[in-house]
């Protein structure tokens, strides 16, 4: 998805989800994607 955004020339903000620290299981990220997966 990041490559597609770059190739399309669309501006975007990249937000890293740190799987090592379990960020995908925290309420802040689960509010974005309840599945706890990337990409979102």
ModelCIF file with pLDDT and N, C-alpha, C, O atoms, coordinates in Angstrom:
data_MODEL
#
_entry.id   MODEL 
#
_entity.id                         1 
_entity.type                       polymer 
_entity.pdbx_number_of_molecules   1 
#
_entity_poly.entity_id                      1 
_entity_poly.type                           'polypeptide(L)' 
_entity_poly.nstd_linkage                   no 
_entity_poly.nstd_monomer                   no 
_entity_poly.pdbx_seq_one_letter_code       
;(UNK)(UNK)(UNK)(UNK)(UNK)(UNK)(UNK)(UNK)(UNK)(UNK)(UNK)(UNK)(UNK)(UNK)(UNK)(UNK)
(UNK)(UNK)(UNK)(UNK)(UNK)(UNK)(UNK)(UNK)(UNK)(UNK)(UNK)(UNK)(UNK)(UNK)(UNK)(UNK)
(UNK)(UNK)(UNK)(UNK)(UNK)(UNK)(UNK)(UNK)
;
_entity_poly.pdbx_seq_one_letter_code_can   XXXXXXXXXXXXXXXXXXXXXXXXXXXXXXXXXXXXXXXX 
_entity_poly.pdbx_strand_id                 A 
#
loop_
_entity_poly_seq.entity_id 
_entity_poly_seq.num 
_entity_poly_seq.mon_id 
_entity_poly_seq.hetero 
1 1  UNK n 
1 2  UNK n 
1 3  UNK n 
1 4  UNK n 
1 5  UNK n 
1 6  UNK n 
1 7  UNK n 
1 8  UNK n 
1 9  UNK n 
1 10 UNK n 
1 11 UNK n 
1 12 UNK n 
1 13 UNK n 
1 14 UNK n 
1 15 UNK n 
1 16 UNK n 
1 17 UNK n 
1 18 UNK n 
1 19 UNK n 
1 20 UNK n 
1 21 UNK n 
1 22 UNK n 
1 23 UNK n 
1 24 UNK n 
1 25 UNK n 
1 26 UNK n 
1 27 UNK n 
1 28 UNK n 
1 29 UNK n 
1 30 UNK n 
1 31 UNK n 
1 32 UNK n 
1 33 UNK n 
1 34 UNK n 
1 35 UNK n 
1 36 UNK n 
1 37 UNK n 
1 38 UNK n 
1 39 UNK n 
1 40 UNK n 
#
_struct_asym.id          A 
_struct_asym.entity_id   1 
#
loop_
_ma_qa_metric.id 
_ma_qa_metric.mode 
_ma_qa_metric.name 
_ma_qa_metric.software_group_id 
_ma_qa_metric.type 
1 global pLDDT . pLDDT 
2 local  pLDDT . pLDDT 
#
_ma_qa_metric_global.metric_id      1 
_ma_qa_metric_global.metric_value   97.10 
_ma_qa_metric_global.model_id       1 
_ma_qa_metric_global.ordinal_id     1 
#
loop_
_ma_qa_metric_local.label_asym_id 
_ma_qa_metric_local.label_comp_id 
_ma_qa_metric_local.label_seq_id 
_ma_qa_metric_local.metric_id 
_ma_qa_metric_local.metric_value 
_ma_qa_metric_local.model_id 
_ma_qa_metric_local.ordinal_id 
A UNK 1  2 97.00 1 1  
A UNK 2  2 97.00 1 2  
A UNK 3  2 97.00 1 3  
A UNK 4  2 97.00 1 4  
A UNK 5  2 98.00 1 5  
A UNK 6  2 97.00 1 6  
A UNK 7  2 97.00 1 7  
A UNK 8  2 97.00 1 8  
A UNK 9  2 97.00 1 9  
A UNK 10 2 97.00 1 10 
A UNK 11 2 97.00 1 11 
A UNK 12 2 98.00 1 12 
A UNK 13 2 98.00 1 13 
A UNK 14 2 98.00 1 14 
A UNK 15 2 98.00 1 15 
A UNK 16 2 98.00 1 16 
A UNK 17 2 98.00 1 17 
A UNK 18 2 97.00 1 18 
A UNK 19 2 96.00 1 19 
A UNK 20 2 95.00 1 20 
A UNK 21 2 96.00 1 21 
A UNK 22 2 96.00 1 22 
A UNK 23 2 97.00 1 23 
A UNK 24 2 97.00 1 24 
A UNK 25 2 97.00 1 25 
A UNK 26 2 98.00 1 26 
A UNK 27 2 98.00 1 27 
A UNK 28 2 96.00 1 28 
A UNK 29 2 98.00 1 29 
A UNK 30 2 98.00 1 30 
A UNK 31 2 97.00 1 31 
A UNK 32 2 97.00 1 32 
A UNK 33 2 97.00 1 33 
A UNK 34 2 97.00 1 34 
A UNK 35 2 96.00 1 35 
A UNK 36 2 97.00 1 36 
A UNK 37 2 96.00 1 37 
A UNK 38 2 97.00 1 38 
A UNK 39 2 97.00 1 39 
A UNK 40 2 98.00 1 40 
#
loop_
_atom_site.group_PDB 
_atom_site.id 
_atom_site.type_symbol 
_atom_site.label_atom_id 
_atom_site.label_alt_id 
_atom_site.label_comp_id 
_atom_site.label_asym_id 
_atom_site.label_entity_id 
_atom_site.label_seq_id 
_atom_site.pdbx_PDB_ins_code 
_atom_site.Cartn_x 
_atom_site.Cartn_y 
_atom_site.Cartn_z 
_atom_site.occupancy 
_atom_site.B_iso_or_equiv 
_atom_site.pdbx_formal_charge 
_atom_site.auth_seq_id 
_atom_site.auth_comp_id 
_atom_site.auth_asym_id 
_atom_site.auth_atom_id 
_atom_site.pdbx_PDB_model_num 
ATOM 1   N N  . UNK A 1 1  ? 0.837   -1.196 0.000  1.00 97.00 ? 1  UNK A N  1 
ATOM 2   C CA . UNK A 1 1  ? 0.000   0.000  0.000  1.00 97.00 ? 1  UNK A CA 1 
ATOM 3   C C  . UNK A 1 1  ? 0.874   1.250  0.000  1.00 97.00 ? 1  UNK A C  1 
ATOM 4   O O  . UNK A 1 1  ? 0.582   2.216  -0.705 1.00 97.00 ? 1  UNK A O  1 
ATOM 5   N N  . UNK A 1 2  ? 1.946   1.231  0.789  1.00 97.00 ? 2  UNK A N  1 
ATOM 6   C CA . UNK A 1 2  ? 2.872   2.370  0.809  1.00 97.00 ? 2  UNK A CA 1 
ATOM 7   C C  . UNK A 1 2  ? 3.489   2.587  -0.569 1.00 97.00 ? 2  UNK A C  1 
ATOM 8   O O  . UNK A 1 2  ? 3.610   3.726  -1.020 1.00 97.00 ? 2  UNK A O  1 
ATOM 9   N N  . UNK A 1 3  ? 3.877   1.515  -1.236 1.00 97.00 ? 3  UNK A N  1 
ATOM 10  C CA . UNK A 1 3  ? 4.450   1.620  -2.577 1.00 97.00 ? 3  UNK A CA 1 
ATOM 11  C C  . UNK A 1 3  ? 3.417   2.193  -3.548 1.00 97.00 ? 3  UNK A C  1 
ATOM 12  O O  . UNK A 1 3  ? 3.745   3.056  -4.363 1.00 97.00 ? 3  UNK A O  1 
ATOM 13  N N  . UNK A 1 4  ? 2.177   1.721  -3.463 1.00 97.00 ? 4  UNK A N  1 
ATOM 14  C CA . UNK A 1 4  ? 1.125   2.216  -4.346 1.00 97.00 ? 4  UNK A CA 1 
ATOM 15  C C  . UNK A 1 4  ? 0.882   3.710  -4.121 1.00 97.00 ? 4  UNK A C  1 
ATOM 16  O O  . UNK A 1 4  ? 0.700   4.457  -5.082 1.00 97.00 ? 4  UNK A O  1 
ATOM 17  N N  . UNK A 1 5  ? 0.877   4.147  -2.869 1.00 98.00 ? 5  UNK A N  1 
ATOM 18  C CA . UNK A 1 5  ? 0.702   5.571  -2.569 1.00 98.00 ? 5  UNK A CA 1 
ATOM 19  C C  . UNK A 1 5  ? 1.847   6.393  -3.151 1.00 98.00 ? 5  UNK A C  1 
ATOM 20  O O  . UNK A 1 5  ? 1.622   7.459  -3.723 1.00 98.00 ? 5  UNK A O  1 
ATOM 21  N N  . UNK A 1 6  ? 3.065   5.902  -3.007 1.00 97.00 ? 6  UNK A N  1 
ATOM 22  C CA . UNK A 1 6  ? 4.235   6.606  -3.552 1.00 97.00 ? 6  UNK A CA 1 
ATOM 23  C C  . UNK A 1 6  ? 4.157   6.677  -5.074 1.00 97.00 ? 6  UNK A C  1 
ATOM 24  O O  . UNK A 1 6  ? 4.366   7.739  -5.660 1.00 97.00 ? 6  UNK A O  1 
ATOM 25  N N  . UNK A 1 7  ? 3.859   5.559  -5.707 1.00 97.00 ? 7  UNK A N  1 
ATOM 26  C CA . UNK A 1 7  ? 3.784   5.516  -7.168 1.00 97.00 ? 7  UNK A CA 1 
ATOM 27  C C  . UNK A 1 7  ? 2.668   6.415  -7.710 1.00 97.00 ? 7  UNK A C  1 
ATOM 28  O O  . UNK A 1 7  ? 2.798   7.011  -8.779 1.00 97.00 ? 7  UNK A O  1 
ATOM 29  N N  . UNK A 1 8  ? 1.569   6.498  -6.952 1.00 97.00 ? 8  UNK A N  1 
ATOM 30  C CA . UNK A 1 8  ? 0.445   7.336  -7.369 1.00 97.00 ? 8  UNK A CA 1 
ATOM 31  C C  . UNK A 1 8  ? 0.707   8.816  -7.105 1.00 97.00 ? 8  UNK A C  1 
ATOM 32  O O  . UNK A 1 8  ? -0.002  9.681  -7.618 1.00 97.00 ? 8  UNK A O  1 
ATOM 33  N N  . UNK A 1 9  ? 1.727   9.098  -6.302 1.00 97.00 ? 9  UNK A N  1 
ATOM 34  C CA . UNK A 1 9  ? 2.045   10.485 -5.978 1.00 97.00 ? 9  UNK A CA 1 
ATOM 35  C C  . UNK A 1 9  ? 1.045   11.132 -5.039 1.00 97.00 ? 9  UNK A C  1 
ATOM 36  O O  . UNK A 1 9  ? 0.910   12.355 -5.008 1.00 97.00 ? 9  UNK A O  1 
ATOM 37  N N  . UNK A 1 10 ? 0.343   10.304 -4.269 1.00 97.00 ? 10 UNK A N  1 
ATOM 38  C CA . UNK A 1 10 ? -0.638  10.840 -3.331 1.00 97.00 ? 10 UNK A CA 1 
ATOM 39  C C  . UNK A 1 10 ? 0.037   11.169 -1.995 1.00 97.00 ? 10 UNK A C  1 
ATOM 40  O O  . UNK A 1 10 ? 0.795   10.356 -1.466 1.00 97.00 ? 10 UNK A O  1 
ATOM 41  N N  . UNK A 1 11 ? -0.233  12.348 -1.456 1.00 97.00 ? 11 UNK A N  1 
ATOM 42  C CA . UNK A 1 11 ? 0.352   12.682 -0.151 1.00 97.00 ? 11 UNK A CA 1 
ATOM 43  C C  . UNK A 1 11 ? -0.318  11.849 0.947  1.00 97.00 ? 11 UNK A C  1 
ATOM 44  O O  . UNK A 1 11 ? -1.529  11.631 0.931  1.00 97.00 ? 11 UNK A O  1 
ATOM 45  N N  . UNK A 1 12 ? 0.496   11.394 1.894  1.00 98.00 ? 12 UNK A N  1 
ATOM 46  C CA . UNK A 1 12 ? -0.046  10.603 2.999  1.00 98.00 ? 12 UNK A CA 1 
ATOM 47  C C  . UNK A 1 12 ? 0.871   10.702 4.208  1.00 98.00 ? 12 UNK A C  1 
ATOM 48  O O  . UNK A 1 12 ? 2.046   11.052 4.098  1.00 98.00 ? 12 UNK A O  1 
ATOM 49  N N  . UNK A 1 13 ? 0.311   10.389 5.343  1.00 98.00 ? 13 UNK A N  1 
ATOM 50  C CA . UNK A 1 13 ? 1.086   10.321 6.575  1.00 98.00 ? 13 UNK A CA 1 
ATOM 51  C C  . UNK A 1 13 ? 1.229   8.846  6.927  1.00 98.00 ? 13 UNK A C  1 
ATOM 52  O O  . UNK A 1 13 ? 0.231   8.132  7.017  1.00 98.00 ? 13 UNK A O  1 
ATOM 53  N N  . UNK A 1 14 ? 2.455   8.387  7.126  1.00 98.00 ? 14 UNK A N  1 
ATOM 54  C CA . UNK A 1 14 ? 2.710   7.000  7.502  1.00 98.00 ? 14 UNK A CA 1 
ATOM 55  C C  . UNK A 1 14 ? 2.775   6.911  9.024  1.00 98.00 ? 14 UNK A C  1 
ATOM 56  O O  . UNK A 1 14 ? 3.536   7.634  9.667  1.00 98.00 ? 14 UNK A O  1 
ATOM 57  N N  . UNK A 1 15 ? 1.974   6.022  9.586  1.00 98.00 ? 15 UNK A N  1 
ATOM 58  C CA . UNK A 1 15 ? 1.928   5.837  11.029 1.00 98.00 ? 15 UNK A CA 1 
ATOM 59  C C  . UNK A 1 15 ? 2.335   4.401  11.330 1.00 98.00 ? 15 UNK A C  1 
ATOM 60  O O  . UNK A 1 15 ? 1.623   3.458  10.985 1.00 98.00 ? 15 UNK A O  1 
ATOM 61  N N  . UNK A 1 16 ? 3.485   4.245  11.977 1.00 98.00 ? 16 UNK A N  1 
ATOM 62  C CA . UNK A 1 16 ? 4.005   2.911  12.276 1.00 98.00 ? 16 UNK A CA 1 
ATOM 63  C C  . UNK A 1 16 ? 3.250   2.296  13.447 1.00 98.00 ? 16 UNK A C  1 
ATOM 64  O O  . UNK A 1 16 ? 3.066   2.927  14.488 1.00 98.00 ? 16 UNK A O  1 
ATOM 65  N N  . UNK A 1 17 ? 2.818   1.056  13.257 1.00 98.00 ? 17 UNK A N  1 
ATOM 66  C CA . UNK A 1 17 ? 2.195   0.280  14.315 1.00 98.00 ? 17 UNK A CA 1 
ATOM 67  C C  . UNK A 1 17 ? 3.255   -0.711 14.789 1.00 98.00 ? 17 UNK A C  1 
ATOM 68  O O  . UNK A 1 17 ? 3.645   -1.611 14.047 1.00 98.00 ? 17 UNK A O  1 
ATOM 69  N N  . UNK A 1 18 ? 3.715   -0.544 16.019 1.00 97.00 ? 18 UNK A N  1 
ATOM 70  C CA . UNK A 1 18 ? 4.813   -1.351 16.547 1.00 97.00 ? 18 UNK A CA 1 
ATOM 71  C C  . UNK A 1 18 ? 4.292   -2.689 17.078 1.00 97.00 ? 18 UNK A C  1 
ATOM 72  O O  . UNK A 1 18 ? 3.846   -2.789 18.221 1.00 97.00 ? 18 UNK A O  1 
ATOM 73  N N  . UNK A 1 19 ? 4.359   -3.702 16.234 1.00 96.00 ? 19 UNK A N  1 
ATOM 74  C CA . UNK A 1 19 ? 3.879   -5.020 16.627 1.00 96.00 ? 19 UNK A CA 1 
ATOM 75  C C  . UNK A 1 19 ? 4.691   -5.586 17.789 1.00 96.00 ? 19 UNK A C  1 
ATOM 76  O O  . UNK A 1 19 ? 4.143   -6.308 18.622 1.00 96.00 ? 19 UNK A O  1 
ATOM 77  N N  . UNK A 1 20 ? 5.978   -5.277 17.864 1.00 95.00 ? 20 UNK A N  1 
ATOM 78  C CA . UNK A 1 20 ? 6.830   -5.815 18.920 1.00 95.00 ? 20 UNK A CA 1 
ATOM 79  C C  . UNK A 1 20 ? 6.350   -5.397 20.309 1.00 95.00 ? 20 UNK A C  1 
ATOM 80  O O  . UNK A 1 20 ? 6.479   -6.152 21.272 1.00 95.00 ? 20 UNK A O  1 
ATOM 81  N N  . UNK A 1 21 ? 5.797   -4.192 20.401 1.00 96.00 ? 21 UNK A N  1 
ATOM 82  C CA . UNK A 1 21 ? 5.300   -3.719 21.699 1.00 96.00 ? 21 UNK A CA 1 
ATOM 83  C C  . UNK A 1 21 ? 3.816   -4.003 21.878 1.00 96.00 ? 21 UNK A C  1 
ATOM 84  O O  . UNK A 1 21 ? 3.238   -3.653 22.907 1.00 96.00 ? 21 UNK A O  1 
ATOM 85  N N  . UNK A 1 22 ? 3.193   -4.634 20.886 1.00 96.00 ? 22 UNK A N  1 
ATOM 86  C CA . UNK A 1 22 ? 1.778   -4.964 20.972 1.00 96.00 ? 22 UNK A CA 1 
ATOM 87  C C  . UNK A 1 22 ? 0.847   -3.797 20.706 1.00 96.00 ? 22 UNK A C  1 
ATOM 88  O O  . UNK A 1 22 ? -0.302  -3.805 21.149 1.00 96.00 ? 22 UNK A O  1 
ATOM 89  N N  . UNK A 1 23 ? 1.337   -2.781 19.977 1.00 97.00 ? 23 UNK A N  1 
ATOM 90  C CA . UNK A 1 23 ? 0.521   -1.591 19.701 1.00 97.00 ? 23 UNK A CA 1 
ATOM 91  C C  . UNK A 1 23 ? -0.776  -1.944 18.990 1.00 97.00 ? 23 UNK A C  1 
ATOM 92  O O  . UNK A 1 23 ? -1.770  -1.232 19.135 1.00 97.00 ? 23 UNK A O  1 
ATOM 93  N N  . UNK A 1 24 ? -0.783  -3.032 18.225 1.00 97.00 ? 24 UNK A N  1 
ATOM 94  C CA . UNK A 1 24 ? -1.977  -3.421 17.481 1.00 97.00 ? 24 UNK A CA 1 
ATOM 95  C C  . UNK A 1 24 ? -3.090  -3.929 18.396 1.00 97.00 ? 24 UNK A C  1 
ATOM 96  O O  . UNK A 1 24 ? -4.225  -4.093 17.947 1.00 97.00 ? 24 UNK A O  1 
ATOM 97  N N  . UNK A 1 25 ? -2.791  -4.178 19.653 1.00 97.00 ? 25 UNK A N  1 
ATOM 98  C CA . UNK A 1 25 ? -3.799  -4.663 20.597 1.00 97.00 ? 25 UNK A CA 1 
ATOM 99  C C  . UNK A 1 25 ? -4.278  -3.567 21.545 1.00 97.00 ? 25 UNK A C  1 
ATOM 100 O O  . UNK A 1 25 ? -5.127  -3.819 22.401 1.00 97.00 ? 25 UNK A O  1 
ATOM 101 N N  . UNK A 1 26 ? -3.755  -2.377 21.406 1.00 98.00 ? 26 UNK A N  1 
ATOM 102 C CA . UNK A 1 26 ? -4.104  -1.252 22.285 1.00 98.00 ? 26 UNK A CA 1 
ATOM 103 C C  . UNK A 1 26 ? -5.370  -0.550 21.785 1.00 98.00 ? 26 UNK A C  1 
ATOM 104 O O  . UNK A 1 26 ? -5.642  -0.533 20.585 1.00 98.00 ? 26 UNK A O  1 
ATOM 105 N N  . UNK A 1 27 ? -6.130  0.020  22.700 1.00 98.00 ? 27 UNK A N  1 
ATOM 106 C CA . UNK A 1 27 ? -7.384  0.693  22.327 1.00 98.00 ? 27 UNK A CA 1 
ATOM 107 C C  . UNK A 1 27 ? -7.228  1.752  21.235 1.00 98.00 ? 27 UNK A C  1 
ATOM 108 O O  . UNK A 1 27 ? -8.112  1.888  20.389 1.00 98.00 ? 27 UNK A O  1 
ATOM 109 N N  . UNK A 1 28 ? -6.133  2.498  21.232 1.00 96.00 ? 28 UNK A N  1 
ATOM 110 C CA . UNK A 1 28 ? -5.945  3.540  20.216 1.00 96.00 ? 28 UNK A CA 1 
ATOM 111 C C  . UNK A 1 28 ? -5.945  2.955  18.812 1.00 96.00 ? 28 UNK A C  1 
ATOM 112 O O  . UNK A 1 28 ? -6.583  3.496  17.909 1.00 96.00 ? 28 UNK A O  1 
ATOM 113 N N  . UNK A 1 29 ? -5.226  1.845  18.627 1.00 98.00 ? 29 UNK A N  1 
ATOM 114 C CA . UNK A 1 29 ? -5.196  1.253  17.288 1.00 98.00 ? 29 UNK A CA 1 
ATOM 115 C C  . UNK A 1 29 ? -6.460  0.458  16.996 1.00 98.00 ? 29 UNK A C  1 
ATOM 116 O O  . UNK A 1 29 ? -6.939  0.456  15.862 1.00 98.00 ? 29 UNK A O  1 
ATOM 117 N N  . UNK A 1 30 ? -7.001  -0.212 17.996 1.00 98.00 ? 30 UNK A N  1 
ATOM 118 C CA . UNK A 1 30 ? -8.226  -0.977 17.764 1.00 98.00 ? 30 UNK A CA 1 
ATOM 119 C C  . UNK A 1 30 ? -9.392  -0.073 17.384 1.00 98.00 ? 30 UNK A C  1 
ATOM 120 O O  . UNK A 1 30 ? -10.355 -0.536 16.772 1.00 98.00 ? 30 UNK A O  1 
ATOM 121 N N  . UNK A 1 31 ? -9.322  1.199  17.733 1.00 97.00 ? 31 UNK A N  1 
ATOM 122 C CA . UNK A 1 31 ? -10.338 2.157  17.289 1.00 97.00 ? 31 UNK A CA 1 
ATOM 123 C C  . UNK A 1 31 ? -10.231 2.395  15.790 1.00 97.00 ? 31 UNK A C  1 
ATOM 124 O O  . UNK A 1 31 ? -11.222 2.723  15.138 1.00 97.00 ? 31 UNK A O  1 
ATOM 125 N N  . UNK A 1 32 ? -9.036  2.232  15.244 1.00 97.00 ? 32 UNK A N  1 
ATOM 126 C CA . UNK A 1 32 ? -8.820  2.371  13.798 1.00 97.00 ? 32 UNK A CA 1 
ATOM 127 C C  . UNK A 1 32 ? -9.183  1.066  13.100 1.00 97.00 ? 32 UNK A C  1 
ATOM 128 O O  . UNK A 1 32 ? -9.931  1.066  12.123 1.00 97.00 ? 32 UNK A O  1 
ATOM 129 N N  . UNK A 1 33 ? -8.658  -0.032 13.598 1.00 97.00 ? 33 UNK A N  1 
ATOM 130 C CA . UNK A 1 33 ? -8.930  -1.340 12.998 1.00 97.00 ? 33 UNK A CA 1 
ATOM 131 C C  . UNK A 1 33 ? -9.184  -2.358 14.105 1.00 97.00 ? 33 UNK A C  1 
ATOM 132 O O  . UNK A 1 33 ? -8.235  -2.856 14.711 1.00 97.00 ? 33 UNK A O  1 
ATOM 133 N N  . UNK A 1 34 ? -10.436 -2.672 14.375 1.00 97.00 ? 34 UNK A N  1 
ATOM 134 C CA . UNK A 1 34 ? -10.767 -3.625 15.438 1.00 97.00 ? 34 UNK A CA 1 
ATOM 135 C C  . UNK A 1 34 ? -10.154 -5.012 15.248 1.00 97.00 ? 34 UNK A C  1 
ATOM 136 O O  . UNK A 1 34 ? -10.075 -5.791 16.199 1.00 97.00 ? 34 UNK A O  1 
ATOM 137 N N  . UNK A 1 35 ? -9.721  -5.323 14.027 1.00 96.00 ? 35 UNK A N  1 
ATOM 138 C CA . UNK A 1 35 ? -9.068  -6.607 13.769 1.00 96.00 ? 35 UNK A CA 1 
ATOM 139 C C  . UNK A 1 35 ? -7.632  -6.615 14.289 1.00 96.00 ? 35 UNK A C  1 
ATOM 140 O O  . UNK A 1 35 ? -7.040  -7.683 14.446 1.00 96.00 ? 35 UNK A O  1 
ATOM 141 N N  . UNK A 1 36 ? -7.066  -5.440 14.556 1.00 97.00 ? 36 UNK A N  1 
ATOM 142 C CA . UNK A 1 36 ? -5.697  -5.351 15.042 1.00 97.00 ? 36 UNK A CA 1 
ATOM 143 C C  . UNK A 1 36 ? -4.668  -5.717 13.997 1.00 97.00 ? 36 UNK A C  1 
ATOM 144 O O  . UNK A 1 36 ? -3.596  -6.223 14.328 1.00 97.00 ? 36 UNK A O  1 
ATOM 145 N N  . UNK A 1 37 ? -4.983  -5.467 12.737 1.00 96.00 ? 37 UNK A N  1 
ATOM 146 C CA . UNK A 1 37 ? -4.076  -5.811 11.636 1.00 96.00 ? 37 UNK A CA 1 
ATOM 147 C C  . UNK A 1 37 ? -3.715  -4.566 10.836 1.00 96.00 ? 37 UNK A C  1 
ATOM 148 O O  . UNK A 1 37 ? -4.362  -3.524 10.938 1.00 96.00 ? 37 UNK A O  1 
ATOM 149 N N  . UNK A 1 38 ? -2.678  -4.707 10.049 1.00 97.00 ? 38 UNK A N  1 
ATOM 150 C CA . UNK A 1 38 ? -2.299  -3.665 9.094  1.00 97.00 ? 38 UNK A CA 1 
ATOM 151 C C  . UNK A 1 38 ? -2.359  -4.282 7.710  1.00 97.00 ? 38 UNK A C  1 
ATOM 152 O O  . UNK A 1 38 ? -2.253  -5.502 7.583  1.00 97.00 ? 38 UNK A O  1 
ATOM 153 N N  . UNK A 1 39 ? -2.523  -3.488 6.679  1.00 97.00 ? 39 UNK A N  1 
ATOM 154 C CA . UNK A 1 39 ? -2.624  -2.038 6.689  1.00 97.00 ? 39 UNK A CA 1 
ATOM 155 C C  . UNK A 1 39 ? -4.023  -1.574 7.070  1.00 97.00 ? 39 UNK A C  1 
ATOM 156 O O  . UNK A 1 39 ? -5.003  -2.313 6.977  1.00 97.00 ? 39 UNK A O  1 
ATOM 157 N N  . UNK A 1 40 ? -4.071  -0.327 7.501  1.00 98.00 ? 40 UNK A N  1 
ATOM 158 C CA . UNK A 1 40 ? -5.338  0.382  7.678  1.00 98.00 ? 40 UNK A CA 1 
ATOM 159 C C  . UNK A 1 40 ? -5.113  1.774  7.120  1.00 98.00 ? 40 UNK A C  1 
ATOM 160 O O  . UNK A 1 40 ? -6.024  2.601  7.138  1.00 98.00 ? 40 UNK A O  1 
#
